[in-house]
Protein backbone atom coordinates (compact mmCIF):
# COMPACT_ATOMS: atom_id res chain seq x y z
CA UNK A 1 -94.37 236.58 -46.59
CA UNK A 2 -96.89 236.17 -43.65
CA UNK A 3 -99.81 235.06 -43.43
CA UNK A 4 -103.25 235.99 -41.40
CA UNK A 5 -105.41 232.41 -41.89
CA UNK A 6 -109.44 232.97 -42.03
CA UNK A 7 -112.80 230.94 -42.19
CA UNK A 8 -112.10 231.36 -45.72
CA UNK A 9 -109.17 229.64 -45.98
CA UNK A 10 -108.59 226.66 -47.70
CA UNK A 11 -107.42 224.33 -44.72
CA UNK A 12 -105.42 227.17 -43.10
CA UNK A 13 -103.33 225.04 -40.85
CA UNK A 14 -101.83 223.30 -43.50
CA UNK A 15 -100.03 225.80 -45.22
CA UNK A 16 -99.26 227.60 -42.06
CA UNK A 17 -97.60 224.21 -40.54
CA UNK A 18 -95.31 224.66 -43.91
CA UNK A 19 -94.64 228.55 -43.76
CA UNK A 20 -93.35 227.28 -39.62
CA UNK A 21 -91.24 224.60 -40.84
CA UNK A 22 -89.58 226.85 -43.52
CA UNK A 23 -89.21 229.46 -40.95
CA UNK A 24 -87.58 226.77 -38.60
CA UNK A 25 -85.34 226.02 -41.50
CA UNK A 26 -84.31 229.34 -42.18
CA UNK A 27 -83.35 229.86 -38.68
CA UNK A 28 -80.99 226.98 -39.06
CA UNK A 29 -79.30 227.56 -42.22
CA UNK A 30 -79.53 231.36 -41.44
CA UNK A 31 -81.59 232.65 -44.31
CA UNK A 32 -82.63 236.20 -44.16
CA UNK A 33 -86.74 236.60 -43.78
CA UNK A 34 -89.13 239.49 -44.72
CA UNK A 35 -92.32 239.50 -43.57
CA UNK A 36 -95.25 241.88 -44.65
CA UNK A 37 -98.47 241.46 -43.38
CA UNK A 38 -102.02 243.14 -45.56
CA UNK A 39 -103.33 246.48 -44.07
CA UNK A 40 -102.99 245.22 -40.10
CA UNK A 41 -105.38 247.99 -39.18
CA UNK A 42 -108.44 245.81 -40.98
CA UNK A 43 -106.65 242.70 -41.53
CA UNK A 44 -104.99 241.87 -38.45
CA UNK A 45 -101.81 240.88 -36.81
CA UNK A 46 -100.19 237.76 -38.78
CA UNK A 47 -101.29 234.55 -37.24
CA UNK A 48 -100.80 233.72 -34.12
CA UNK A 49 -98.95 229.93 -34.78
CA UNK A 50 -96.04 232.27 -36.76
CA UNK A 51 -95.25 235.29 -34.58
CA UNK A 52 -92.77 233.22 -32.46
CA UNK A 53 -90.79 232.15 -34.98
CA UNK A 54 -90.08 235.99 -36.84
CA UNK A 55 -88.49 237.39 -34.21
CA UNK A 56 -85.61 237.23 -36.15
CA UNK A 57 -86.94 238.71 -39.59
CA UNK A 58 -84.96 241.39 -40.96
CA UNK A 59 -88.38 243.22 -41.85
CA UNK A 60 -90.99 243.02 -41.04
CA UNK A 61 -93.74 246.02 -42.59
CA UNK A 62 -97.42 246.62 -43.43
CA UNK A 63 -98.55 247.37 -46.26
CA UNK A 64 -101.39 248.30 -48.19
CA UNK A 65 -99.99 247.25 -52.17
CA UNK A 66 -100.75 243.68 -52.89
CA UNK A 67 -97.07 243.27 -53.40
CA UNK A 68 -94.53 242.99 -51.13
CA UNK A 69 -92.11 244.03 -53.22
CA UNK A 70 -91.68 247.47 -51.68
CA UNK A 71 -88.07 249.71 -51.08
CA UNK A 72 -88.40 248.53 -47.44
CA UNK A 73 -88.00 244.95 -48.52
CA UNK A 74 -85.94 245.62 -52.06
CA UNK A 75 -83.43 247.70 -50.47
CA UNK A 76 -81.95 244.12 -49.17
CA UNK A 77 -81.68 242.95 -52.75
CA UNK A 78 -79.59 244.93 -54.61
CA UNK A 79 -77.80 241.76 -56.48
CA UNK A 80 -79.73 238.89 -58.06
CA UNK A 81 -81.11 236.62 -55.58
CA UNK A 82 -83.10 233.56 -54.94
CA UNK A 83 -86.08 233.93 -52.97
CA UNK A 84 -88.79 231.56 -51.48
CA UNK A 85 -92.16 232.34 -50.95
CA UNK A 86 -95.15 231.48 -49.10
CA UNK A 87 -98.19 232.85 -48.16
CA UNK A 88 -101.50 234.44 -49.01
CA UNK A 89 -103.84 234.97 -51.06
CA UNK A 90 -101.51 233.09 -54.23
CA UNK A 91 -103.20 234.60 -57.25
CA UNK A 92 -103.07 238.11 -55.52
CA UNK A 93 -100.11 239.26 -53.15
CA UNK A 94 -97.91 236.10 -53.88
CA UNK A 95 -98.38 235.98 -57.81
CA UNK A 96 -97.59 239.83 -57.65
CA UNK A 97 -94.66 239.55 -55.78
CA UNK A 98 -92.72 237.01 -57.26
CA UNK A 99 -93.76 238.40 -60.98
CA UNK A 100 -91.93 241.97 -59.47
CA UNK A 101 -88.83 239.69 -58.00
CA UNK A 102 -88.66 237.83 -61.13
CA UNK A 103 -88.97 241.38 -63.32
CA UNK A 104 -85.97 242.56 -61.09
CA UNK A 105 -84.18 239.43 -61.99
CA UNK A 106 -84.17 237.55 -59.21
CA UNK A 107 -84.47 233.55 -58.71
CA UNK A 108 -88.03 232.86 -57.52
CA UNK A 109 -89.19 229.91 -55.80
CA UNK A 110 -93.00 229.73 -55.09
CA UNK A 111 -93.61 226.87 -52.82
CA UNK A 112 -97.06 225.07 -53.78
CA UNK A 113 -97.12 223.87 -49.72
CA UNK A 114 -97.02 226.83 -48.61
CA UNK A 115 -99.72 228.72 -50.51
CA UNK A 116 -103.67 229.18 -50.36
CA UNK A 117 -106.33 231.37 -51.21
CA UNK A 118 -110.11 232.00 -49.99
CA UNK A 119 -110.99 229.83 -53.37
CA UNK A 120 -109.58 226.77 -54.09
CA UNK A 121 -109.51 227.63 -57.78
CA UNK A 122 -107.21 230.08 -57.49
CA UNK A 123 -104.11 228.60 -56.22
CA UNK A 124 -103.51 225.80 -59.28
CA UNK A 125 -104.39 228.72 -62.03
CA UNK A 126 -101.81 231.22 -60.18
CA UNK A 127 -99.24 228.26 -59.48
CA UNK A 128 -99.23 228.15 -63.40
CA UNK A 129 -99.25 231.27 -64.49
CA UNK A 130 -95.77 231.82 -62.32
CA UNK A 131 -94.39 228.91 -63.46
CA UNK A 132 -95.37 230.39 -67.04
CA UNK A 133 -93.54 233.83 -66.09
CA UNK A 134 -90.28 231.89 -64.67
CA UNK A 135 -90.71 231.24 -61.13
CA UNK A 136 -89.77 227.51 -59.83
CA UNK A 137 -93.16 226.06 -57.90
CA UNK A 138 -91.36 223.70 -55.97
CA UNK A 139 -92.12 222.26 -52.12
CA UNK A 140 -90.96 222.81 -49.18
CA UNK A 141 -88.80 219.97 -48.89
CA UNK A 142 -87.78 219.52 -52.09
CA UNK A 143 -86.30 223.49 -51.72
CA UNK A 144 -85.01 222.98 -48.56
CA UNK A 145 -82.85 220.34 -49.90
CA UNK A 146 -81.74 221.94 -52.62
CA UNK A 147 -80.76 224.90 -50.96
CA UNK A 148 -78.47 222.79 -48.52
CA UNK A 149 -77.07 220.71 -51.76
CA UNK A 150 -75.02 219.39 -49.64
CA UNK A 151 -75.41 216.54 -46.73
CA UNK A 152 -71.65 217.11 -45.59
CA UNK A 153 -72.54 221.13 -44.45
CA UNK A 154 -73.06 220.66 -40.63
CA UNK A 155 -76.65 222.07 -40.30
CA UNK A 156 -77.76 219.01 -42.01
CA UNK A 157 -78.34 217.04 -39.12
CA UNK A 158 -80.46 220.30 -37.80
CA UNK A 159 -82.49 220.05 -41.09
CA UNK A 160 -82.96 216.10 -41.41
CA UNK A 161 -84.27 216.09 -37.84
CA UNK A 162 -86.83 218.85 -38.98
CA UNK A 163 -88.15 217.22 -41.95
CA UNK A 164 -88.72 214.42 -39.74
CA UNK A 165 -90.48 216.13 -37.35
CA UNK A 166 -92.26 217.43 -40.03
CA UNK A 167 -92.95 214.36 -42.15
CA UNK A 168 -96.94 213.50 -41.49
CA UNK A 169 -97.77 216.75 -41.67
CA UNK A 170 -96.00 217.00 -45.08
CA UNK A 171 -97.24 214.56 -45.79
CA UNK A 172 -101.24 215.46 -45.00
CA UNK A 173 -100.51 219.44 -46.71
CA UNK A 174 -99.15 217.54 -50.03
CA UNK A 175 -102.34 215.44 -49.88
CA UNK A 176 -104.97 218.31 -49.10
CA UNK A 177 -103.37 220.97 -50.82
CA UNK A 178 -102.35 219.86 -53.95
CA UNK A 179 -104.37 216.65 -54.71
CA UNK A 180 -106.30 217.83 -57.56
CA UNK A 181 -102.91 219.55 -59.37
């Protein structure tokens, strides 16, 4: 899921950092990325900090629906899949996308350090709702290591370097975005 930060978002640079880390991890681990932008004509493009990492996206869809679970995206998910979601708004697009994917039988991870809202109080409520609906709410680092499953894979060294590179930023994100949850 793509993000377009505005001044209203709760510490937008923080969850953009998580999104950058996840996009880089997806490149290393050859995980397909699907991007949506909410109504580009009115709300603008995906934030410039993410654009260089989105060149390999399988799909990049402009949408007006709140959920990104659109035919252009869902056609790639014929079988039960594991899906990880980052983006905004946590209580609108993220929630509706996760619920739609869960309804279709997919295992959905929502990264608590990768979602935000213009109303910070919405985030915790959305994450609680998603847990109750069956989504796995976790952190970016936890998901990356769960995804790898084994330090013996060839990509481990690159992922370990990525995690180390983002270590300080990840602490900032977790301390700021998740301190009240």
